[in-house]
């Protein structure tokens, strides 16, 4: 099982494109491992090449050891080096009659183009190879794909990867999740659940609800709120990513707008909903872990303060270290560099923001 703390540490220091590369690599690892376990065999060169190709985009994480992979990072980097250094040796090619053999460089490039561009047919790949000064026929492309068990374009493009899905629907995806917090009451400590949502493209968050014992009726009301015709809580939501929590019942899903596609992530796969996982961690580490909260009402006020701080005052590495609501008046004035520098505190000084006072 992957160490979630290691994954979260890596996520905090990576960009959106890095996320997509990491997600695609980890999903490929899981897919290949399931296949070889099911077929009771060792990994073949095609599978090693697939992981090696994907590993090119995450070399830094592999070398630093900040990404926990199924196969050892040293092994993966070894495969990558082997395939990168594999070159066609003309002295070993067969002489005499017959068609000349295809070099490994050409073969590997055809495979890479086919895997990276699922809608490309043999003609399109052959044309791209010509653009790169490699003369190769469409039939040769088909032969290479067949030898490596790669389906033709009409079949290949049906198998969309998680990375491809995210890229195609980036501005329409929201992730939802629960976290819990203990609050003090007259009868002792009670555990309260907080229901949050985050928009992938903007990192905007919404606190959908706070309740001690969420049930199906409460969840159905949240579904109505999410997809309200006049004031939907989740702007431009077409795809809703969630985990396997039993609260996401068929009735909850049925009360959502029919245009919303719900995506249930695999068990023990926080990397498939990383932004929800990360924002919950931020809420805890920035604020809630440092507080003994008295009453559910206090928790609601604190969460409202945190959401305002998160949107208007906190810089976010995932969007270029910018503030989400970057057009706010205070920030725009502060960027001009005029006025006294002041400090604004929220939640007893846990959340701090520096800005410039307007010159009278």
Protein backbone atom coordinates (compact mmCIF):
# COMPACT_ATOMS: atom_id res chain seq x y z
CA UNK A 1 0.00 0.00 0.00
CA UNK A 2 1.31 3.41 -0.94
CA UNK A 3 2.46 5.72 1.81
CA UNK A 4 -0.04 8.61 1.66
CA UNK A 5 2.25 11.00 3.54
CA UNK A 6 4.99 10.54 0.93
CA UNK A 7 2.50 11.12 -1.88
CA UNK A 8 1.11 14.25 -0.24
CA UNK A 9 4.63 15.64 0.33
CA UNK A 10 5.35 15.21 -3.36
CA UNK A 11 2.03 16.76 -4.38
CA UNK A 12 2.75 19.92 -2.38
CA UNK A 13 5.81 20.67 -4.53
CA UNK A 14 4.54 19.81 -7.99
CA UNK A 15 2.65 21.57 -10.77
CA UNK A 16 -0.54 20.50 -12.54
CA UNK A 17 1.43 18.90 -15.39
CA UNK A 18 3.59 17.04 -12.87
CA UNK A 19 0.43 15.73 -11.23
CA UNK A 20 -0.84 14.36 -14.52
CA UNK A 21 2.47 12.63 -15.28
CA UNK A 22 2.62 11.08 -11.81
CA UNK A 23 -1.01 9.94 -11.96
CA UNK A 24 -0.52 8.36 -15.40
CA UNK A 25 2.65 6.56 -14.28
CA UNK A 26 1.11 5.19 -11.07
CA UNK A 27 -2.03 4.05 -12.90
CA UNK A 28 0.11 2.31 -15.54
CA UNK A 29 2.04 0.53 -12.77
CA UNK A 30 -1.17 -0.72 -11.19
CA UNK A 31 -2.60 -1.81 -14.54
CA UNK A 32 0.55 -3.74 -15.50
CA UNK A 33 0.86 -5.35 -12.06
CA UNK A 34 -2.75 -6.55 -12.22
CA UNK A 35 -2.13 -8.01 -15.69
CA UNK A 36 1.02 -9.95 -14.81
CA UNK A 37 -0.52 -11.22 -11.56
CA UNK A 38 -3.63 -12.37 -13.39
CA UNK A 39 -1.58 -14.12 -16.08
CA UNK A 40 0.98 -15.49 -13.58
CA UNK A 41 4.00 -14.30 -15.53
CA UNK A 42 6.92 -11.89 -15.42
CA UNK A 43 6.87 -8.44 -16.95
CA UNK A 44 7.72 -8.30 -20.65
CA UNK A 45 9.78 -5.70 -22.56
CA UNK A 46 6.69 -3.98 -23.92
CA UNK A 47 5.46 -3.29 -20.39
CA UNK A 48 8.93 -2.18 -19.29
CA UNK A 49 9.07 0.17 -22.28
CA UNK A 50 5.64 1.62 -21.41
CA UNK A 51 6.75 2.43 -17.86
CA UNK A 52 10.11 3.71 -19.11
CA UNK A 53 8.38 6.09 -21.53
CA UNK A 54 6.14 7.45 -18.77
CA UNK A 55 9.10 7.63 -16.35
CA UNK A 56 10.82 10.21 -18.55
CA UNK A 57 8.44 12.86 -17.22
CA UNK A 58 9.00 12.04 -13.54
CA UNK A 59 12.76 11.39 -13.42
CA UNK A 60 13.29 13.95 -10.66
CA UNK A 61 10.74 12.36 -8.34
CA UNK A 62 12.18 8.90 -8.97
CA UNK A 63 15.76 10.00 -8.32
CA UNK A 64 14.85 11.90 -5.14
CA UNK A 65 12.84 8.96 -3.85
CA UNK A 66 9.84 11.18 -3.01
CA UNK A 67 7.46 9.02 -5.05
CA UNK A 68 6.61 5.58 -3.70
CA UNK A 69 6.28 3.21 -6.64
CA UNK A 70 5.43 -0.47 -6.90
CA UNK A 71 8.67 -1.22 -8.71
CA UNK A 72 11.88 0.16 -7.20
CA UNK A 73 12.85 3.60 -8.57
CA UNK A 74 16.36 2.26 -9.24
CA UNK A 75 14.88 -0.52 -11.38
CA UNK A 76 12.63 1.88 -13.30
CA UNK A 77 15.52 4.27 -14.00
CA UNK A 78 17.56 1.27 -15.15
CA UNK A 79 14.88 0.33 -17.67
CA UNK A 80 14.73 3.95 -18.84
CA UNK A 81 18.50 4.09 -19.36
CA UNK A 82 18.46 0.77 -21.20
CA UNK A 83 15.80 1.87 -23.67
CA UNK A 84 17.33 5.33 -24.12
CA UNK A 85 20.72 3.81 -24.94
CA UNK A 86 19.38 1.10 -27.23
CA UNK A 87 20.51 2.03 -30.73
CA UNK A 88 20.49 0.26 -34.05
CA UNK A 89 23.85 -1.34 -34.81
CA UNK A 90 24.21 -1.45 -38.60
CA UNK A 91 27.11 -3.91 -38.44
CA UNK A 92 24.81 -6.53 -36.99
CA UNK A 93 22.03 -6.16 -39.55
CA UNK A 94 21.43 -9.07 -41.86
CA UNK A 95 22.98 -8.70 -45.28
CA UNK A 96 21.69 -10.15 -48.50
CA UNK A 97 18.27 -10.33 -50.08
CA UNK A 98 15.05 -9.27 -48.40
CA UNK A 99 13.70 -6.16 -46.75
CA UNK A 100 16.10 -4.43 -44.30
CA UNK A 101 15.21 -4.77 -40.61
CA UNK A 102 13.58 -1.89 -38.74
CA UNK A 103 15.89 -0.10 -36.31
CA UNK A 104 15.00 0.00 -32.63
CA UNK A 105 14.94 3.80 -32.79
CA UNK A 106 12.19 3.75 -35.43
CA UNK A 107 10.33 0.92 -33.72
CA UNK A 108 10.34 2.66 -30.34
CA UNK A 109 9.29 5.98 -31.87
CA UNK A 110 6.34 4.37 -33.65
CA UNK A 111 5.26 2.76 -30.37
CA UNK A 112 5.61 6.06 -28.51
CA UNK A 113 3.56 7.96 -31.11
CA UNK A 114 0.84 5.30 -31.09
CA UNK A 115 0.55 5.23 -27.30
CA UNK A 116 0.64 9.02 -26.93
CA UNK A 117 -1.88 9.68 -29.73
CA UNK A 118 -4.64 7.12 -29.53
CA UNK A 119 -6.66 8.50 -32.43
CA UNK A 120 -3.75 8.34 -34.90
CA UNK A 121 -4.01 5.64 -37.54
CA UNK A 122 -1.12 4.02 -39.41
CA UNK A 123 -1.18 6.67 -42.17
CA UNK A 124 -1.03 9.51 -39.65
CA UNK A 125 1.88 7.91 -37.78
CA UNK A 126 3.76 7.23 -41.03
CA UNK A 127 3.25 10.87 -42.03
CA UNK A 128 4.59 12.11 -38.70
CA UNK A 129 7.60 9.81 -39.08
CA UNK A 130 8.22 11.36 -42.51
CA UNK A 131 8.16 14.82 -40.88
CA UNK A 132 10.95 13.58 -38.60
CA UNK A 133 13.03 12.31 -41.55
CA UNK A 134 12.15 8.63 -41.11
CA UNK A 135 10.80 6.96 -44.24
CA UNK A 136 8.36 4.25 -43.23
CA UNK A 137 5.17 2.88 -44.80
CA UNK A 138 1.78 2.61 -43.16
CA UNK A 139 1.99 -1.19 -43.45
CA UNK A 140 5.27 -1.19 -41.53
CA UNK A 141 3.58 0.87 -38.83
CA UNK A 142 0.78 -1.70 -38.63
CA UNK A 143 3.34 -4.52 -38.42
CA UNK A 144 5.15 -2.82 -35.54
CA UNK A 145 1.90 -2.25 -33.66
CA UNK A 146 0.84 -5.87 -34.19
CA UNK A 147 4.21 -7.22 -33.01
CA UNK A 148 3.86 -5.21 -29.79
CA UNK A 149 0.19 -6.06 -29.17
CA UNK A 150 -0.91 -2.45 -29.64
CA UNK A 151 -4.47 -2.15 -31.03
CA UNK A 152 -5.25 -0.13 -34.14
CA UNK A 153 -6.57 3.43 -33.71
CA UNK A 154 -10.34 2.74 -33.61
CA UNK A 155 -9.83 0.33 -30.70
CA UNK A 156 -6.90 2.12 -29.08
CA UNK A 157 -8.73 5.42 -28.65
CA UNK A 158 -11.51 3.74 -26.68
CA UNK A 159 -9.11 3.15 -23.77
CA UNK A 160 -8.79 6.65 -22.29
CA UNK A 161 -6.19 7.10 -19.55
CA UNK A 162 -6.88 9.09 -16.39
CA UNK A 163 -4.42 11.74 -17.59
CA UNK A 164 -6.22 12.10 -20.93
CA UNK A 165 -9.57 12.36 -19.19
CA UNK A 166 -8.32 15.07 -16.82
CA UNK A 167 -6.78 17.07 -19.65
CA UNK A 168 -9.97 16.93 -21.74
CA UNK A 169 -12.33 17.94 -18.91
CA UNK A 170 -10.03 19.98 -16.66
CA UNK A 171 -12.37 22.97 -16.18
CA UNK A 172 -15.43 20.78 -15.51
CA UNK A 173 -14.13 18.58 -12.69
CA UNK A 174 -14.85 18.95 -8.98
CA UNK A 175 -13.63 16.61 -6.26
CA UNK A 176 -15.61 15.98 -3.07
CA UNK A 177 -14.60 14.39 0.22
CA UNK A 178 -15.30 14.27 3.95
CA UNK A 179 -13.02 14.88 6.88
CA UNK A 180 -13.83 14.86 10.58
CA UNK A 181 -13.04 17.05 13.56
CA UNK A 182 -13.71 16.60 17.26
CA UNK A 183 -15.54 19.49 18.97
CA UNK A 184 -16.15 20.05 22.67
CA UNK A 185 -19.75 20.06 23.95
CA UNK A 186 -21.40 19.99 27.40
CA UNK A 187 -21.73 16.21 27.04
CA UNK A 188 -18.11 15.70 25.99
CA UNK A 189 -16.31 15.53 22.66
CA UNK A 190 -18.36 14.72 19.58
CA UNK A 191 -17.03 13.96 16.11
CA UNK A 192 -18.35 16.23 13.37
CA UNK A 193 -17.99 15.58 9.65
CA UNK A 194 -17.14 18.36 7.20
CA UNK A 195 -18.16 17.90 3.54
CA UNK A 196 -15.90 19.84 1.15
CA UNK A 197 -15.53 20.27 -2.61
CA UNK A 198 -12.69 21.63 -4.75
CA UNK A 199 -12.66 22.70 -8.39
CA UNK A 200 -9.61 21.18 -10.08
CA UNK A 201 -8.80 24.00 -12.50
CA UNK A 202 -9.15 27.00 -10.16
CA UNK A 203 -8.59 25.33 -6.74
CA UNK A 204 -11.72 27.09 -5.45
CA UNK A 205 -13.27 25.28 -2.50
CA UNK A 206 -16.76 25.05 -1.02
CA UNK A 207 -17.84 23.77 2.38
CA UNK A 208 -20.96 21.88 1.36
CA UNK A 209 -22.05 20.98 4.88
CA UNK A 210 -21.08 20.32 8.50
CA UNK A 211 -22.98 17.70 10.49
CA UNK A 212 -22.44 15.13 13.23
CA UNK A 213 -24.21 12.16 11.62
CA UNK A 214 -24.77 12.56 7.87
CA UNK A 215 -27.43 10.20 6.52
CA UNK A 216 -28.96 9.50 3.13
CA UNK A 217 -31.63 12.20 3.49
CA UNK A 218 -28.98 14.81 4.31
CA UNK A 219 -26.85 13.66 1.38
CA UNK A 220 -29.83 13.93 -0.97
CA UNK A 221 -30.24 17.56 0.12
CA UNK A 222 -26.55 18.18 -0.60
CA UNK A 223 -27.07 16.75 -4.07
CA UNK A 224 -29.92 19.22 -4.61
CA UNK A 225 -27.71 22.08 -3.43
CA UNK A 226 -24.85 21.03 -5.70
CA UNK A 227 -27.04 21.07 -8.80
CA UNK A 228 -29.63 23.73 -7.99
CA UNK A 229 -31.00 25.13 -11.25
CA UNK A 230 -30.69 28.76 -10.16
CA UNK A 231 -27.74 28.76 -7.74
CA UNK A 232 -25.67 25.58 -8.08
CA UNK A 233 -22.99 25.35 -5.38
CA UNK A 234 -20.46 23.84 -7.79
CA UNK A 235 -19.91 26.09 -10.78
CA UNK A 236 -19.68 24.41 -14.21
CA UNK A 237 -19.58 20.93 -12.64
CA UNK A 238 -19.88 18.13 -15.21
CA UNK A 239 -17.72 15.48 -13.52
CA UNK A 240 -17.74 14.79 -9.77
CA UNK A 241 -14.87 12.72 -8.33
CA UNK A 242 -15.43 10.91 -5.04
CA UNK A 243 -14.15 7.93 -3.06
CA UNK A 244 -16.01 4.79 -2.01
CA UNK A 245 -17.64 6.27 1.10
CA UNK A 246 -21.03 4.51 1.57
CA UNK A 247 -22.67 7.94 1.93
CA UNK A 248 -22.46 8.33 -1.85
CA UNK A 249 -25.51 6.12 -2.37
CA UNK A 250 -27.42 5.53 -5.62
CA UNK A 251 -30.08 7.94 -4.31
CA UNK A 252 -27.46 10.66 -3.77
CA UNK A 253 -26.25 10.18 -7.33
CA UNK A 254 -29.82 10.12 -8.71
CA UNK A 255 -30.55 13.51 -7.11
CA UNK A 256 -27.66 15.14 -8.94
CA UNK A 257 -28.20 16.84 -12.27
CA UNK A 258 -28.35 14.10 -14.97
CA UNK A 259 -25.63 15.99 -16.84
CA UNK A 260 -23.15 15.36 -14.01
CA UNK A 261 -20.98 12.27 -14.40
CA UNK A 262 -19.90 10.79 -11.04
CA UNK A 263 -16.48 9.12 -10.91
CA UNK A 264 -15.75 6.72 -8.07
CA UNK A 265 -12.00 6.35 -7.55
CA UNK A 266 -10.32 3.03 -6.86
CA UNK A 267 -9.78 1.94 -3.23
CA UNK A 268 -6.55 3.21 -1.64
CA UNK A 269 -5.94 5.59 -4.59
CA UNK A 270 -5.74 9.14 -3.15
CA UNK A 271 -3.66 10.07 -6.19
CA UNK A 272 -6.86 9.92 -8.27
CA UNK A 273 -8.44 12.74 -6.24
CA UNK A 274 -5.28 14.54 -5.09
CA UNK A 275 -6.67 18.06 -4.84
CA UNK A 276 -9.40 17.08 -2.38
CA UNK A 277 -6.84 15.17 -0.31
CA UNK A 278 -4.44 18.11 -0.33
CA UNK A 279 -6.94 20.81 0.58
CA UNK A 280 -8.12 18.75 3.55
CA UNK A 281 -4.53 18.42 4.66
CA UNK A 282 -4.07 22.20 4.31
CA UNK A 283 -7.18 22.91 6.39
CA UNK A 284 -5.90 20.65 9.14
CA UNK A 285 -2.27 21.77 9.15
CA UNK A 286 -2.94 25.49 8.69
CA UNK A 287 -5.76 25.69 11.18
CA UNK A 288 -7.80 22.90 12.77
CA UNK A 289 -4.95 20.81 14.19
CA UNK A 290 -4.01 23.76 16.42
CA UNK A 291 -7.46 24.37 17.90
CA UNK A 292 -9.69 22.94 20.61
CA UNK A 293 -13.08 23.92 19.21
CA UNK A 294 -16.10 24.39 21.47
CA UNK A 295 -19.38 23.66 19.71
CA UNK A 296 -20.37 23.01 16.12
CA UNK A 297 -21.20 26.70 15.63
CA UNK A 298 -17.59 27.66 16.32
CA UNK A 299 -16.40 25.14 13.76
CA UNK A 300 -18.69 26.69 11.16
CA UNK A 301 -17.31 30.19 11.85
CA UNK A 302 -13.72 28.95 11.69
CA UNK A 303 -14.34 27.16 8.38
CA UNK A 304 -15.87 30.35 6.94
CA UNK A 305 -12.79 32.30 8.00
CA UNK A 306 -10.53 29.66 6.49
CA UNK A 307 -12.38 29.65 3.15
CA UNK A 308 -12.07 33.45 2.90
CA UNK A 309 -8.36 33.26 3.76
CA UNK A 310 -7.87 30.40 1.29
CA UNK A 311 -9.43 32.32 -1.61
CA UNK A 312 -8.31 35.91 -0.96
CA UNK A 313 -5.09 35.75 1.09
CA UNK A 314 -3.28 32.43 0.62
CA UNK A 315 -0.82 31.74 -2.21
CA UNK A 316 -1.14 28.37 -3.96
CA UNK A 317 1.82 26.59 -5.56
CA UNK A 318 -0.40 24.59 -7.91
CA UNK A 319 -1.51 27.75 -9.73
CA UNK A 320 1.87 29.44 -9.98
CA UNK A 321 2.05 30.56 -6.33
CA UNK A 322 -0.80 33.00 -6.97
CA UNK A 323 -3.88 33.93 -4.94
CA UNK A 324 -7.10 32.39 -6.27
CA UNK A 325 -9.18 35.58 -6.17
CA UNK A 326 -6.29 37.63 -7.52
CA UNK A 327 -8.44 40.53 -8.73
CA UNK A 328 -9.50 41.60 -5.23
CA UNK A 329 -9.00 45.30 -4.48
CA UNK A 330 -6.66 44.89 -1.50
CA UNK A 331 -4.23 42.67 -3.42
CA UNK A 332 -4.23 44.91 -6.48
CA UNK A 333 -3.39 47.94 -4.34
CA UNK A 334 -0.67 46.05 -2.41
CA UNK A 335 1.04 45.08 -5.67
CA UNK A 336 1.54 48.76 -6.47
CA UNK A 337 4.03 48.94 -3.59
CA UNK A 338 2.52 52.04 -2.01
CA UNK A 339 1.32 52.40 1.57
CA UNK A 340 2.21 51.03 4.97
CA UNK A 341 2.53 47.25 5.30
CA UNK A 342 -0.10 45.90 7.69
CA UNK A 343 -0.89 42.43 9.02
CA UNK A 344 -4.34 40.90 9.12
CA UNK A 345 -4.95 37.94 11.42
CA UNK A 346 -7.74 35.40 11.41
CA UNK A 347 -8.61 32.64 13.89
CA UNK A 348 -6.47 34.03 16.69
CA UNK A 349 -3.40 34.60 14.53
CA UNK A 350 -3.27 31.14 12.90
CA UNK A 351 -4.07 32.61 9.49
CA UNK A 352 -1.95 35.66 8.64
CA UNK A 353 -1.97 37.94 5.61
CA UNK A 354 0.22 40.98 4.87
CA UNK A 355 -1.04 43.83 2.71
CA UNK A 356 -0.46 47.52 2.08
CA UNK A 357 -2.75 50.16 3.53
CA UNK A 358 -4.22 52.62 1.08
CA UNK A 359 -2.53 56.00 1.13
CA UNK A 360 -4.99 58.65 2.29
